[in-house]
C-alpha atoms as a PDB file:
ATOM      1  CA  MET A   1      -0.084  -0.183   0.044  1.00  0.00           C
ATOM      2  CA  HIS A   2       1.380   3.521  -0.904  1.00  0.00           C
ATOM      3  CA  LYS A   3       1.376   6.673   1.066  1.00  0.00           C
ATOM      4  CA  SER A   4      -2.213   8.008   0.631  1.00  0.00           C
ATOM      5  CA  GLY A   5      -3.504  11.542   1.513  1.00  0.00           C
ATOM      6  CA  SER A   6      -5.822  14.222   0.640  1.00  0.00           C
ATOM      7  CA  SER A   7      -5.030  15.263  -3.389  1.00  0.00           C
ATOM      8  CA  LEU A   8      -4.745  18.705  -4.700  1.00  0.00           C
ATOM      9  CA  ALA A   9      -4.574  17.490  -8.044  1.00  0.00           C
ATOM     10  CA  LEU A  10      -8.017  18.119  -9.248  1.00  0.00           C
ATOM     11  CA  GLY A  11      -7.039  20.049 -12.363  1.00  0.00           C
ATOM     12  CA  PRO A  12      -6.528  18.247 -16.146  1.00  0.00           C
ATOM     13  CA  GLY A  13      -3.821  15.682 -15.917  1.00  0.00           C
ATOM     14  CA  GLY A  14      -3.334  15.997 -12.255  1.00  0.00           C
ATOM     15  CA  LEU A  15      -2.625  19.759 -12.277  1.00  0.00           C
ATOM     16  CA  ASP A  16      -2.487  21.279  -8.830  1.00  0.00           C
ATOM     17  CA  ILE A  17      -5.116  24.265  -9.458  1.00  0.00           C
ATOM     18  CA  ALA A  18      -4.716  25.553  -5.756  1.00  0.00           C
ATOM     19  CA  GLN A  19      -2.560  28.646  -7.048  1.00  0.00           C
ATOM     20  CA  SER A  20      -5.059  29.381  -9.594  1.00  0.00           C
ATOM     21  CA  PHE A  21      -8.276  29.301  -7.281  1.00  0.00           C
ATOM     22  CA  PHE A  22      -6.814  31.588  -4.766  1.00  0.00           C
ATOM     23  CA  LYS A  23      -5.272  35.145  -5.965  1.00  0.00           C
ATOM     24  CA  PRO A  24      -2.447  36.665  -3.685  1.00  0.00           C
ATOM     25  CA  ILE A  25      -3.258  39.995  -2.239  1.00  0.00           C
ATOM     26  CA  HIS A  26      -1.303  42.711  -3.709  1.00  0.00           C
ATOM     27  CA  GLY A  27       2.190  43.503  -1.977  1.00  0.00           C
ATOM     28  CA  SER A  28       2.499  40.171  -0.370  1.00  0.00           C
ATOM     29  CA  SER A  29       5.650  38.094   0.533  1.00  0.00           C
ATOM     30  CA  PRO A  30       6.131  34.562  -0.919  1.00  0.00           C
ATOM     31  CA  PRO A  31       5.346  31.719   1.331  1.00  0.00           C
ATOM     32  CA  PRO A  32       8.293  30.575   3.761  1.00  0.00           C
ATOM     33  CA  THR A  33      10.332  27.715   2.530  1.00  0.00           C
ATOM     34  CA  THR A  34      10.102  26.025   5.579  1.00  0.00           C
ATOM     35  CA  THR A  35       7.252  25.526   7.927  1.00  0.00           C
ATOM     36  CA  ARG A  36       6.887  24.062  11.271  1.00  0.00           C
ATOM     37  CA  THR A  37       3.797  21.797  11.934  1.00  0.00           C
ATOM     38  CA  ILE A  38       2.999  19.451  14.568  1.00  0.00           C
ATOM     39  CA  LYS A  39       3.036  15.760  13.138  1.00  0.00           C
ATOM     40  CA  VAL A  40       1.738  12.769  15.405  1.00  0.00           C
ATOM     41  CA  SER A  41       1.886   9.114  14.529  1.00  0.00           C
ATOM     42  CA  VAL A  42      -0.379   6.515  15.618  1.00  0.00           C
ATOM     43  CA  ILE A  43       0.822   2.947  15.140  1.00  0.00           C
ATOM     44  CA  GLY A  44      -1.689   0.460  14.730  1.00  0.00           C
ATOM     45  CA  VAL A  45      -5.378   1.211  13.676  1.00  0.00           C
ATOM     46  CA  GLY A  46      -7.191  -1.369  16.248  1.00  0.00           C
ATOM     47  CA  ASN A  47      -9.755   0.134  18.449  1.00  0.00           C
ATOM     48  CA  VAL A  48      -7.414   1.719  20.814  1.00  0.00           C
ATOM     49  CA  GLY A  49      -5.340   3.499  18.220  1.00  0.00           C
ATOM     50  CA  MET A  50      -8.325   4.789  16.473  1.00  0.00           C
ATOM     51  CA  ALA A  51      -9.945   6.084  19.550  1.00  0.00           C
ATOM     52  CA  ILE A  52      -6.516   7.763  20.261  1.00  0.00           C
ATOM     53  CA  ALA A  53      -6.431   9.257  16.520  1.00  0.00           C
ATOM     54  CA  GLN A  54     -10.151  10.546  16.687  1.00  0.00           C
ATOM     55  CA  THR A  55      -9.647  12.221  19.926  1.00  0.00           C
ATOM     56  CA  ILE A  56      -6.594  13.864  19.099  1.00  0.00           C
ATOM     57  CA  LEU A  57      -8.069  15.141  15.670  1.00  0.00           C
ATOM     58  CA  THR A  58     -10.995  16.501  17.309  1.00  0.00           C
ATOM     59  CA  GLN A  59      -9.048  18.125  20.005  1.00  0.00           C
ATOM     60  CA  ASP A  60      -6.883  19.994  17.143  1.00  0.00           C
ATOM     61  CA  LEU A  61      -3.619  18.961  18.388  1.00  0.00           C
ATOM     62  CA  ALA A  62      -1.710  18.245  15.562  1.00  0.00           C
ATOM     63  CA  ALA A  63      -1.445  19.530  11.730  1.00  0.00           C
ATOM     64  CA  GLU A  64      -1.077  16.125  10.447  1.00  0.00           C
ATOM     65  CA  ILE A  65      -1.611  12.723  11.748  1.00  0.00           C
ATOM     66  CA  ALA A  66       0.058   9.393  10.087  1.00  0.00           C
ATOM     67  CA  LEU A  67      -1.494   5.973  10.633  1.00  0.00           C
ATOM     68  CA  VAL A  68       0.228   2.823  10.120  1.00  0.00           C
ATOM     69  CA  ASP A  69      -0.724  -0.804  10.482  1.00  0.00           C
ATOM     70  CA  VAL A  70      -0.290  -4.085   8.837  1.00  0.00           C
ATOM     71  CA  ASN A  71      -3.645  -4.590   7.834  1.00  0.00           C
ATOM     72  CA  ALA A  72      -3.649  -2.261   4.484  1.00  0.00           C
ATOM     73  CA  ASP A  73      -7.425  -2.665   3.715  1.00  0.00           C
ATOM     74  CA  LYS A  74      -8.437  -1.574   7.211  1.00  0.00           C
ATOM     75  CA  LEU A  75      -5.982   1.206   7.478  1.00  0.00           C
ATOM     76  CA  ARG A  76      -6.869   2.745   4.154  1.00  0.00           C
ATOM     77  CA  GLY A  77     -10.605   2.115   5.249  1.00  0.00           C
ATOM     78  CA  GLU A  78      -9.999   4.015   8.851  1.00  0.00           C
ATOM     79  CA  MET A  79      -7.967   6.907   6.926  1.00  0.00           C
ATOM     80  CA  LEU A  80     -10.757   7.398   4.640  1.00  0.00           C
ATOM     81  CA  ASP A  81     -13.641   7.712   7.189  1.00  0.00           C
ATOM     82  CA  LEU A  82     -11.639  10.181   8.875  1.00  0.00           C
ATOM     83  CA  GLN A  83     -11.247  12.357   5.855  1.00  0.00           C
ATOM     84  CA  HIS A  84     -14.635  12.388   4.935  1.00  0.00           C
ATOM     85  CA  ALA A  85     -15.264  13.814   8.228  1.00  0.00           C
ATOM     86  CA  ALA A  86     -13.249  16.830   7.018  1.00  0.00           C
ATOM     87  CA  ALA A  87     -15.932  19.379   6.917  1.00  0.00           C
ATOM     88  CA  PHE A  88     -16.724  18.790  10.769  1.00  0.00           C
ATOM     89  CA  LEU A  89     -13.028  18.628  12.044  1.00  0.00           C
ATOM     90  CA  PRO A  90     -10.175  21.402  12.306  1.00  0.00           C
ATOM     91  CA  ARG A  91      -7.847  21.091   9.187  1.00  0.00           C
ATOM     92  CA  THR A  92      -5.779  18.157   9.706  1.00  0.00           C
ATOM     93  CA  THR A  93      -3.795  16.173   6.905  1.00  0.00           C
ATOM     94  CA  ILE A  94      -4.499  12.629   7.465  1.00  0.00           C
ATOM     95  CA  SER A  95      -2.400   9.958   5.875  1.00  0.00           C
ATOM     96  CA  ALA A  96      -1.704   6.229   6.141  1.00  0.00           C
ATOM     97  CA  SER A  97       0.678   3.560   5.209  1.00  0.00           C
ATOM     98  CA  VAL A  98       2.118   0.187   5.781  1.00  0.00           C
ATOM     99  CA  ASP A  99       5.421   1.694   5.855  1.00  0.00           C
ATOM    100  CA  TYR A 100       6.867   3.077   8.643  1.00  0.00           C
ATOM    101  CA  SER A 101       8.637   5.878   6.386  1.00  0.00           C
ATOM    102  CA  ILE A 102       5.391   7.968   6.610  1.00  0.00           C
ATOM    103  CA  THR A 103       5.897   8.357  10.146  1.00  0.00           C
ATOM    104  CA  LYS A 104       9.358  10.324   9.300  1.00  0.00           C
ATOM    105  CA  GLY A 105       9.626  14.025  11.155  1.00  0.00           C
ATOM    106  CA  SER A 106       7.229  13.241  13.667  1.00  0.00           C
ATOM    107  CA  ASP A 107       6.738  15.235  17.044  1.00  0.00           C
ATOM    108  CA  LEU A 108       4.858  12.272  18.941  1.00  0.00           C
ATOM    109  CA  ILE A 109       4.727   8.699  17.988  1.00  0.00           C
ATOM    110  CA  ILE A 110       1.995   6.822  19.756  1.00  0.00           C
ATOM    111  CA  VAL A 111       2.323   3.049  19.656  1.00  0.00           C
ATOM    112  CA  THR A 112      -0.375   0.706  20.590  1.00  0.00           C
ATOM    113  CA  ALA A 113       0.445  -2.314  18.209  1.00  0.00           C
ATOM    114  CA  GLY A 114       0.759  -5.550  20.179  1.00  0.00           C
ATOM    115  CA  ALA A 115       0.418  -9.036  20.241  1.00  0.00           C
ATOM    116  CA  ARG A 116      -2.905 -10.216  22.081  1.00  0.00           C
ATOM    117  CA  GLN A 117      -2.719 -12.523  24.722  1.00  0.00           C
ATOM    118  CA  ILE A 118      -4.137 -16.184  23.665  1.00  0.00           C
ATOM    119  CA  PRO A 119      -6.034 -17.608  26.242  1.00  0.00           C
ATOM    120  CA  GLY A 120      -3.776 -19.881  28.779  1.00  0.00           C
ATOM    121  CA  GLU A 121      -0.811 -18.016  27.411  1.00  0.00           C
ATOM    122  CA  SER A 122       1.714 -16.634  30.060  1.00  0.00           C
ATOM    123  CA  ARG A 123       2.611 -13.044  30.962  1.00  0.00           C
ATOM    124  CA  LEU A 124       6.068 -13.771  29.791  1.00  0.00           C
ATOM    125  CA  ASN A 125       5.356 -15.673  26.606  1.00  0.00           C
ATOM    126  CA  LEU A 126       2.915 -12.666  25.610  1.00  0.00           C
ATOM    127  CA  LEU A 127       5.676 -10.279  26.585  1.00  0.00           C
ATOM    128  CA  GLN A 128       8.465 -12.313  24.694  1.00  0.00           C
ATOM    129  CA  ARG A 129       5.950 -12.072  21.246  1.00  0.00           C
ATOM    130  CA  ASN A 130       5.680  -8.366  21.576  1.00  0.00           C
ATOM    131  CA  LEU A 131       9.653  -7.822  22.045  1.00  0.00           C
ATOM    132  CA  ALA A 132       9.887  -9.617  18.713  1.00  0.00           C
ATOM    133  CA  LEU A 133       7.117  -7.151  17.370  1.00  0.00           C
ATOM    134  CA  PHE A 134       8.873  -4.205  18.850  1.00  0.00           C
ATOM    135  CA  SER A 135      11.942  -5.073  17.404  1.00  0.00           C
ATOM    136  CA  LYS A 136      10.838  -4.398  13.942  1.00  0.00           C
ATOM    137  CA  ILE A 137       8.577  -1.599  14.842  1.00  0.00           C
ATOM    138  CA  ILE A 138      10.936   0.669  16.923  1.00  0.00           C
ATOM    139  CA  PRO A 139      13.981   0.713  15.176  1.00  0.00           C
ATOM    140  CA  PRO A 140      12.351   2.461  11.975  1.00  0.00           C
ATOM    141  CA  LEU A 141      10.252   4.951  14.109  1.00  0.00           C
ATOM    142  CA  SER A 142      13.104   6.195  16.141  1.00  0.00           C
ATOM    143  CA  ALA A 143      15.426   6.415  12.703  1.00  0.00           C
ATOM    144  CA  GLY A 144      12.723   8.187  11.046  1.00  0.00           C
ATOM    145  CA  SER A 145      12.069  10.853  13.821  1.00  0.00           C
ATOM    146  CA  PRO A 146      15.399  11.123  15.697  1.00  0.00           C
ATOM    147  CA  ASP A 147      13.859  14.250  17.651  1.00  0.00           C
ATOM    148  CA  GLY A 148      10.598  12.817  18.378  1.00  0.00           C
ATOM    149  CA  ILE A 149       9.040  11.510  21.594  1.00  0.00           C
ATOM    150  CA  LEU A 150       7.898   7.768  22.097  1.00  0.00           C
ATOM    151  CA  LEU A 151       4.582   7.309  23.698  1.00  0.00           C
ATOM    152  CA  ILE A 152       3.630   3.453  24.191  1.00  0.00           C
ATOM    153  CA  VAL A 153       0.372   2.188  25.037  1.00  0.00           C
ATOM    154  CA  SER A 154       0.797  -1.457  24.156  1.00  0.00           C
ATOM    155  CA  ASN A 155       0.413  -3.918  27.274  1.00  0.00           C
ATOM    156  CA  PRO A 156       2.498  -4.909  29.191  1.00  0.00           C
ATOM    157  CA  VAL A 157       2.937  -1.300  29.288  1.00  0.00           C
ATOM    158  CA  ASP A 158       5.880  -1.095  31.523  1.00  0.00           C
ATOM    159  CA  ALA A 159       8.072  -3.439  30.313  1.00  0.00           C
ATOM    160  CA  LEU A 160       7.154  -2.484  26.678  1.00  0.00           C
ATOM    161  CA  THR A 161       8.275   0.842  27.448  1.00  0.00           C
ATOM    162  CA  TYR A 162      11.488  -0.452  28.582  1.00  0.00           C
ATOM    163  CA  VAL A 163      11.917  -2.352  25.462  1.00  0.00           C
ATOM    164  CA  ALA A 164      11.195   0.614  23.399  1.00  0.00           C
ATOM    165  CA  TRP A 165      13.803   2.661  25.249  1.00  0.00           C
ATOM    166  CA  LYS A 166      16.567  -0.005  24.591  1.00  0.00           C
ATOM    167  CA  LEU A 167      15.601  -0.304  21.004  1.00  0.00           C
ATOM    168  CA  SER A 168      15.468   3.322  20.175  1.00  0.00           C
ATOM    169  CA  GLY A 169      18.558   4.357  21.328  1.00  0.00           C
ATOM    170  CA  PHE A 170      16.877   7.457  22.879  1.00  0.00           C
ATOM    171  CA  PRO A 171      17.269   9.361  26.109  1.00  0.00           C
ATOM    172  CA  ALA A 172      15.026   8.298  28.698  1.00  0.00           C
ATOM    173  CA  ASN A 173      13.024  11.661  28.876  1.00  0.00           C
ATOM    174  CA  ARG A 174      11.759  10.916  25.539  1.00  0.00           C
ATOM    175  CA  VAL A 175      10.350   7.375  25.842  1.00  0.00           C
ATOM    176  CA  ILE A 176       7.335   7.548  28.089  1.00  0.00           C
ATOM    177  CA  GLY A 177       4.458   4.723  28.667  1.00  0.00           C
ATOM    178  CA  SER A 178       0.796   5.618  29.355  1.00  0.00           C
ATOM    179  CA  GLY A 179       1.350   3.905  32.361  1.00  0.00           C
ATOM    180  CA  THR A 180      -1.516   4.664  35.125  1.00  0.00           C
ATOM    181  CA  ASN A 181      -2.995   7.959  33.691  1.00  0.00           C
ATOM    182  CA  LEU A 182      -6.214   6.030  33.146  1.00  0.00           C
ATOM    183  CA  ASP A 183      -6.026   4.009  36.396  1.00  0.00           C
ATOM    184  CA  SER A 184      -5.629   7.319  38.057  1.00  0.00           C
ATOM    185  CA  SER A 185      -8.691   8.774  36.302  1.00  0.00           C
ATOM    186  CA  ARG A 186     -10.808   5.653  37.215  1.00  0.00           C
ATOM    187  CA  PHE A 187      -9.377   6.205  40.908  1.00  0.00           C
ATOM    188  CA  ARG A 188     -10.430   9.814  40.718  1.00  0.00           C
ATOM    189  CA  PHE A 189     -13.920   8.748  39.212  1.00  0.00           C
ATOM    190  CA  LEU A 190     -14.696   6.143  41.956  1.00  0.00           C
ATOM    191  CA  ILE A 191     -13.833   8.851  44.791  1.00  0.00           C
ATOM    192  CA  ALA A 192     -15.868  11.244  43.243  1.00  0.00           C
ATOM    193  CA  ASN A 193     -18.721   9.194  43.304  1.00  0.00           C
ATOM    194  CA  HIS A 194     -18.360   8.147  46.672  1.00  0.00           C
ATOM    195  CA  LEU A 195     -18.032  11.978  47.971  1.00  0.00           C
ATOM    196  CA  ASP A 196     -20.462  13.197  45.217  1.00  0.00           C
ATOM    197  CA  VAL A 197     -18.108  15.739  43.931  1.00  0.00           C
ATOM    198  CA  ASN A 198     -16.513  16.403  40.509  1.00  0.00           C
ATOM    199  CA  ALA A 199     -13.686  14.012  39.548  1.00  0.00           C
ATOM    200  CA  GLN A 200     -11.912  17.088  38.339  1.00  0.00           C
ATOM    201  CA  ASP A 201     -11.759  18.517  41.978  1.00  0.00           C
ATOM    202  CA  VAL A 202     -10.351  15.007  43.038  1.00  0.00           C
ATOM    203  CA  HIS A 203      -6.526  14.713  43.270  1.00  0.00           C
ATOM    204  CA  ALA A 204      -5.297  11.459  43.557  1.00  0.00           C
ATOM    205  CA  TYR A 205      -2.570   8.890  42.118  1.00  0.00           C
ATOM    206  CA  ILE A 206      -2.238   5.350  41.238  1.00  0.00           C
ATOM    207  CA  MET A 207       1.615   4.637  40.782  1.00  0.00           C
ATOM    208  CA  GLY A 208       3.821   1.637  40.178  1.00  0.00           C
ATOM    209  CA  GLU A 209       2.946  -1.116  37.589  1.00  0.00           C
ATOM    210  CA  HIS A 210      -0.078  -0.807  35.348  1.00  0.00           C
ATOM    211  CA  GLY A 211      -1.707  -4.076  36.493  1.00  0.00           C
ATOM    212  CA  ASP A 212      -2.243  -6.060  39.641  1.00  0.00           C
ATOM    213  CA  SER A 213       0.786  -4.511  41.832  1.00  0.00           C
ATOM    214  CA  SER A 214      -0.315  -0.823  41.498  1.00  0.00           C
ATOM    215  CA  VAL A 215      -0.198   1.172  44.289  1.00  0.00           C
ATOM    216  CA  ALA A 216      -3.004   3.626  45.386  1.00  0.00           C
ATOM    217  CA  LEU A 217      -1.627   6.807  47.160  1.00  0.00           C
ATOM    218  CA  TRP A 218      -4.149   7.248  49.852  1.00  0.00           C
ATOM    219  CA  SER A 219      -1.835   9.479  51.876  1.00  0.00           C
ATOM    220  CA  SER A 220      -1.924  12.031  49.271  1.00  0.00           C
ATOM    221  CA  ILE A 221      -5.332  12.229  48.212  1.00  0.00           C
ATOM    222  CA  SER A 222      -7.235  15.419  48.710  1.00  0.00           C
ATOM    223  CA  VAL A 223     -10.684  16.919  47.315  1.00  0.00           C
ATOM    224  CA  GLY A 224     -10.853  20.625  46.639  1.00  0.00           C
ATOM    225  CA  GLY A 225      -7.287  20.920  48.102  1.00  0.00           C
ATOM    226  CA  VAL A 226      -8.295  19.126  51.506  1.00  0.00           C
ATOM    227  CA  PRO A 227      -6.442  16.398  52.594  1.00  0.00           C
ATOM    228  CA  ILE A 228      -9.032  13.608  52.754  1.00  0.00           C
ATOM    229  CA  LEU A 229      -7.420  10.964  55.428  1.00  0.00           C
ATOM    230  CA  SER A 230      -6.269  13.665  57.629  1.00  0.00           C
ATOM    231  CA  PHE A 231      -9.762  15.420  57.290  1.00  0.00           C
ATOM    232  CA  LEU A 232     -11.379  12.200  58.584  1.00  0.00           C
ATOM    233  CA  GLU A 233      -8.929  11.991  61.225  1.00  0.00           C
ATOM    234  CA  ARG A 234      -9.386  15.269  62.464  1.00  0.00           C
ATOM    235  CA  GLN A 235     -13.194  15.053  62.433  1.00  0.00           C
ATOM    236  CA  GLN A 236     -12.957  11.614  64.123  1.00  0.00           C
ATOM    237  CA  ILE A 237     -14.757  10.094  61.348  1.00  0.00           C
ATOM    238  CA  ALA A 238     -14.035   6.521  61.247  1.00  0.00           C
ATOM    239  CA  TYR A 239     -13.107   4.617  58.076  1.00  0.00           C
ATOM    240  CA  GLU A 240     -12.418   0.979  57.282  1.00  0.00           C
ATOM    241  CA  LYS A 241      -8.986   0.286  55.378  1.00  0.00           C
ATOM    242  CA  GLN A 242     -11.162  -2.840  53.502  1.00  0.00           C
ATOM    243  CA  THR A 243     -13.358   0.109  51.918  1.00  0.00           C
ATOM    244  CA  LEU A 244     -10.326   1.919  50.462  1.00  0.00           C
ATOM    245  CA  GLU A 245      -8.893  -1.563  49.375  1.00  0.00           C
ATOM    246  CA  LYS A 246     -11.968  -2.232  47.628  1.00  0.00           C
ATOM    247  CA  ILE A 247     -12.037   1.107  45.749  1.00  0.00           C
ATOM    248  CA  HIS A 248      -8.328   0.367  44.568  1.00  0.00           C
ATOM    249  CA  LYS A 249      -9.572  -3.244  43.631  1.00  0.00           C
ATOM    250  CA  GLU A 250     -12.439  -1.646  41.499  1.00  0.00           C
ATOM    251  CA  VAL A 251      -9.510   0.287  39.722  1.00  0.00           C
ATOM    252  CA  ILE A 252      -7.743  -2.576  38.961  1.00  0.00           C
ATOM    253  CA  GLN A 253     -10.714  -4.543  37.556  1.00  0.00           C
ATOM    254  CA  GLY A 254     -12.015  -1.693  35.759  1.00  0.00           C
ATOM    255  CA  ALA A 255     -10.636  -2.388  32.154  1.00  0.00           C
ATOM    256  CA  TYR A 256     -11.385  -6.339  32.767  1.00  0.00           C
ATOM    257  CA  GLU A 257     -15.046  -5.290  33.482  1.00  0.00           C
ATOM    258  CA  VAL A 258     -15.324  -2.976  30.275  1.00  0.00           C
ATOM    259  CA  ILE A 259     -13.507  -5.955  28.212  1.00  0.00           C
ATOM    260  CA  GLY A 260     -16.334  -8.558  29.576  1.00  0.00           C
ATOM    261  CA  LEU A 261     -18.997  -6.150  28.536  1.00  0.00           C
ATOM    262  CA  LYS A 262     -18.213  -5.070  25.344  1.00  0.00           C
ATOM    263  CA  GLY A 263     -15.132  -7.001  24.020  1.00  0.00           C
ATOM    264  CA  TYR A 264     -12.409  -4.090  24.236  1.00  0.00           C
ATOM    265  CA  THR A 265     -11.465  -0.805  25.713  1.00  0.00           C
ATOM    266  CA  SER A 266     -11.350   2.389  23.629  1.00  0.00           C
ATOM    267  CA  TRP A 267     -12.760   5.628  24.635  1.00  0.00           C
ATOM    268  CA  ALA A 268     -11.217   6.025  28.124  1.00  0.00           C
ATOM    269  CA  ILE A 269      -7.539   5.025  26.804  1.00  0.00           C
ATOM    270  CA  GLY A 270      -8.248   7.506  23.942  1.00  0.00           C
ATOM    271  CA  TYR A 271      -9.141  10.365  26.108  1.00  0.00           C
ATOM    272  CA  SER A 272      -6.380   9.331  28.399  1.00  0.00           C
ATOM    273  CA  VAL A 273      -3.502   9.312  25.781  1.00  0.00           C
ATOM    274  CA  ALA A 274      -4.924  12.512  24.101  1.00  0.00           C
ATOM    275  CA  ASN A 275      -4.740  14.158  27.424  1.00  0.00           C
ATOM    276  CA  LEU A 276      -1.076  13.461  27.561  1.00  0.00           C
ATOM    277  CA  ALA A 277      -0.278  14.242  23.961  1.00  0.00           C
ATOM    278  CA  ARG A 278      -1.909  17.873  24.664  1.00  0.00           C
ATOM    279  CA  THR A 279       0.439  18.111  27.814  1.00  0.00           C
ATOM    280  CA  ILE A 280       3.459  16.944  25.564  1.00  0.00           C
ATOM    281  CA  LEU A 281       2.878  18.905  22.487  1.00  0.00           C
ATOM    282  CA  ARG A 282       1.690  22.308  23.695  1.00  0.00           C
ATOM    283  CA  ASP A 283       4.370  22.094  26.683  1.00  0.00           C
ATOM    284  CA  GLN A 284       1.786  22.435  29.478  1.00  0.00           C
ATOM    285  CA  HIS A 285       4.288  21.368  32.151  1.00  0.00           C
ATOM    286  CA  ARG A 286       1.474  19.237  33.969  1.00  0.00           C
ATOM    287  CA  VAL A 287       1.703  16.393  35.903  1.00  0.00           C
ATOM    288  CA  HIS A 288       0.431  13.102  35.063  1.00  0.00           C
ATOM    289  CA  PRO A 289       1.139   9.371  36.455  1.00  0.00           C
ATOM    290  CA  VAL A 290       3.180   7.965  33.640  1.00  0.00           C
ATOM    291  CA  SER A 291       5.618   5.201  32.952  1.00  0.00           C
ATOM    292  CA  VAL A 292       9.121   6.352  33.183  1.00  0.00           C
ATOM    293  CA  LEU A 293      12.877   5.123  33.998  1.00  0.00           C
ATOM    294  CA  ALA A 294      12.222   4.943  37.908  1.00  0.00           C
ATOM    295  CA  LYS A 295      15.989   4.234  38.875  1.00  0.00           C
ATOM    296  CA  GLY A 296      17.163   6.173  41.790  1.00  0.00           C
ATOM    297  CA  LEU A 297      13.786   7.695  42.538  1.00  0.00           C
ATOM    298  CA  TYR A 298      11.380   7.028  45.225  1.00  0.00           C
ATOM    299  CA  GLY A 299      13.907   4.361  46.967  1.00  0.00           C
ATOM    300  CA  ILE A 300      13.746   2.513  43.915  1.00  0.00           C
ATOM    301  CA  ASP A 301      17.301   1.135  43.053  1.00  0.00           C
ATOM    302  CA  VAL A 302      16.710  -2.620  41.580  1.00  0.00           C
ATOM    303  CA  GLY A 303      17.957  -1.749  38.150  1.00  0.00           C
ATOM    304  CA  ASP A 304      16.444   0.123  35.137  1.00  0.00           C
ATOM    305  CA  VAL A 305      12.969  -0.113  35.384  1.00  0.00           C
ATOM    306  CA  PHE A 306      10.009   1.612  33.992  1.00  0.00           C
ATOM    307  CA  LEU A 307       6.993   2.337  36.175  1.00  0.00           C
ATOM    308  CA  SER A 308       4.281   5.280  37.112  1.00  0.00           C
ATOM    309  CA  LEU A 309       5.405   8.082  38.812  1.00  0.00           C
ATOM    310  CA  PRO A 310       3.904  11.530  39.138  1.00  0.00           C
ATOM    311  CA  THR A 311       5.626  13.033  36.156  1.00  0.00           C
ATOM    312  CA  GLN A 312       5.790  16.675  34.825  1.00  0.00           C
ATOM    313  CA  LEU A 313       5.519  16.435  31.000  1.00  0.00           C
ATOM    314  CA  GLY A 314       6.017  19.046  28.178  1.00  0.00           C
ATOM    315  CA  ARG A 315       7.634  19.471  24.849  1.00  0.00           C
ATOM    316  CA  ASN A 316      10.953  17.595  25.902  1.00  0.00           C
ATOM    317  CA  GLY A 317       8.845  14.643  27.069  1.00  0.00           C
ATOM    318  CA  VAL A 318       9.840  13.987  30.924  1.00  0.00           C
ATOM    319  CA  LEU A 319      10.505  17.454  32.398  1.00  0.00           C
ATOM    320  CA  GLY A 320      10.962  15.802  35.956  1.00  0.00           C
ATOM    321  CA  VAL A 321       9.399  13.351  38.589  1.00  0.00           C
ATOM    322  CA  THR A 322       7.549  15.190  41.492  1.00  0.00           C
ATOM    323  CA  ASN A 323       8.713  14.521  45.013  1.00  0.00           C
ATOM    324  CA  LEU A 324       5.677  13.657  46.519  1.00  0.00           C
ATOM    325  CA  HIS A 325       5.469  12.662  49.987  1.00  0.00           C
ATOM    326  CA  ILE A 326       4.049   9.065  50.456  1.00  0.00           C
ATOM    327  CA  SER A 327       3.784   6.881  53.527  1.00  0.00           C
ATOM    328  CA  GLU A 328       6.315   4.030  54.400  1.00  0.00           C
ATOM    329  CA  GLU A 329       3.644   1.391  53.407  1.00  0.00           C
ATOM    330  CA  GLU A 330       3.136   3.060  50.123  1.00  0.00           C
ATOM    331  CA  SER A 331       7.242   3.200  49.765  1.00  0.00           C
ATOM    332  CA  GLN A 332       7.254  -0.433  50.316  1.00  0.00           C
ATOM    333  CA  GLN A 333       4.659  -1.319  48.090  1.00  0.00           C
ATOM    334  CA  LEU A 334       6.169   0.588  45.105  1.00  0.00           C
ATOM    335  CA  LYS A 335       9.275  -0.973  45.459  1.00  0.00           C
ATOM    336  CA  LYS A 336       7.586  -4.268  45.475  1.00  0.00           C
ATOM    337  CA  SER A 337       5.768  -3.360  42.338  1.00  0.00           C
ATOM    338  CA  ALA A 338       9.370  -2.229  40.706  1.00  0.00           C
ATOM    339  CA  THR A 339      10.757  -5.893  41.613  1.00  0.00           C
ATOM    340  CA  THR A 340       7.359  -7.590  40.014  1.00  0.00           C
ATOM    341  CA  ILE A 341       8.132  -5.539  36.981  1.00  0.00           C
ATOM    342  CA  LEU A 342      11.987  -6.089  36.613  1.00  0.00           C
ATOM    343  CA  GLU A 343      11.347 -10.013  37.414  1.00  0.00           C
ATOM    344  CA  VAL A 344       9.554 -10.641  34.033  1.00  0.00           C
ATOM    345  CA  GLN A 345      11.593  -7.696  32.206  1.00  0.00           C
ATOM    346  CA  SER A 346      14.957  -9.600  33.096  1.00  0.00           C
ATOM    347  CA  GLN A 347      14.087 -12.755  31.197  1.00  0.00           C
ATOM    348  CA  LEU A 348      13.624 -10.858  28.207  1.00  0.00           C
ATOM    349  CA  GLY A 349      17.604 -10.562  27.392  1.00  0.00           C
ATOM    350  CA  ILE A 350      17.674  -7.160  26.055  1.00  0.00           C
END
């Protein structure tokens, strides 16, 4: 499949008629020979990839979106479906190809491609199959966009972000995993429901692995600037630890419940990743819980491991990690989460 995009060649013999259609005003200068526009590439046009592309498109975050997938027919169909909505959307060039060269010069490359887990398959075997896939994907992506940022969404996201870092040769600040950004959104939603407040007024993080060993930071939760646990203690309002653990379990099970009901997740992860893209591309310096190289942070000294920490993001990727106060119990849980990831990661031989 060759590179496809919107065409201006509408005149006889493919003549570009744009110059004839619009007349320059008197005394105008010629257009600049170089232009700087924002380009985002999405690798994988499954449910997750297209939800991300569609959300980025509607939020007007990029001047150009490039789609890549191995399924040429589905890829072209998705491209045309988005292009046909041009009259209702911000002006964006949408292109697609099975060739990674279409991603050249990307500011942000979002990788959603990955092997699906076979029933009964071990997590390690799935990871090894994804390592083989990433070995084909990451090198041409990093070569074509040497100054770009890699945002990994494929699961298991923490280990695959490490794989992408190793294969790309990029500095650690330009390789990020979507991590627990969505987990934290689910966490905030559940707390907001319990307290009958807007989720945007709840500040709460899930840290560590995007998975079963994730850590809920109860000690730092605040609503409208009020620390929740200390408020309950000051007001002598009793609460049970089991209630807190139940909410955390609901966060972990959230994706499984959605998959069980509709077969896949898409919209929430689409908004979550678009939220990260906005912070990065618009240099907003916002803090997000995303998967980053955690070595030397929060007492994690087990080796090169990627897991989610509250991270300030901007145009250069990772700008820094927040030095958040956490309890001793949370610190130990976070170190255990790092060890869990590293145990699987160390068997990859990369």
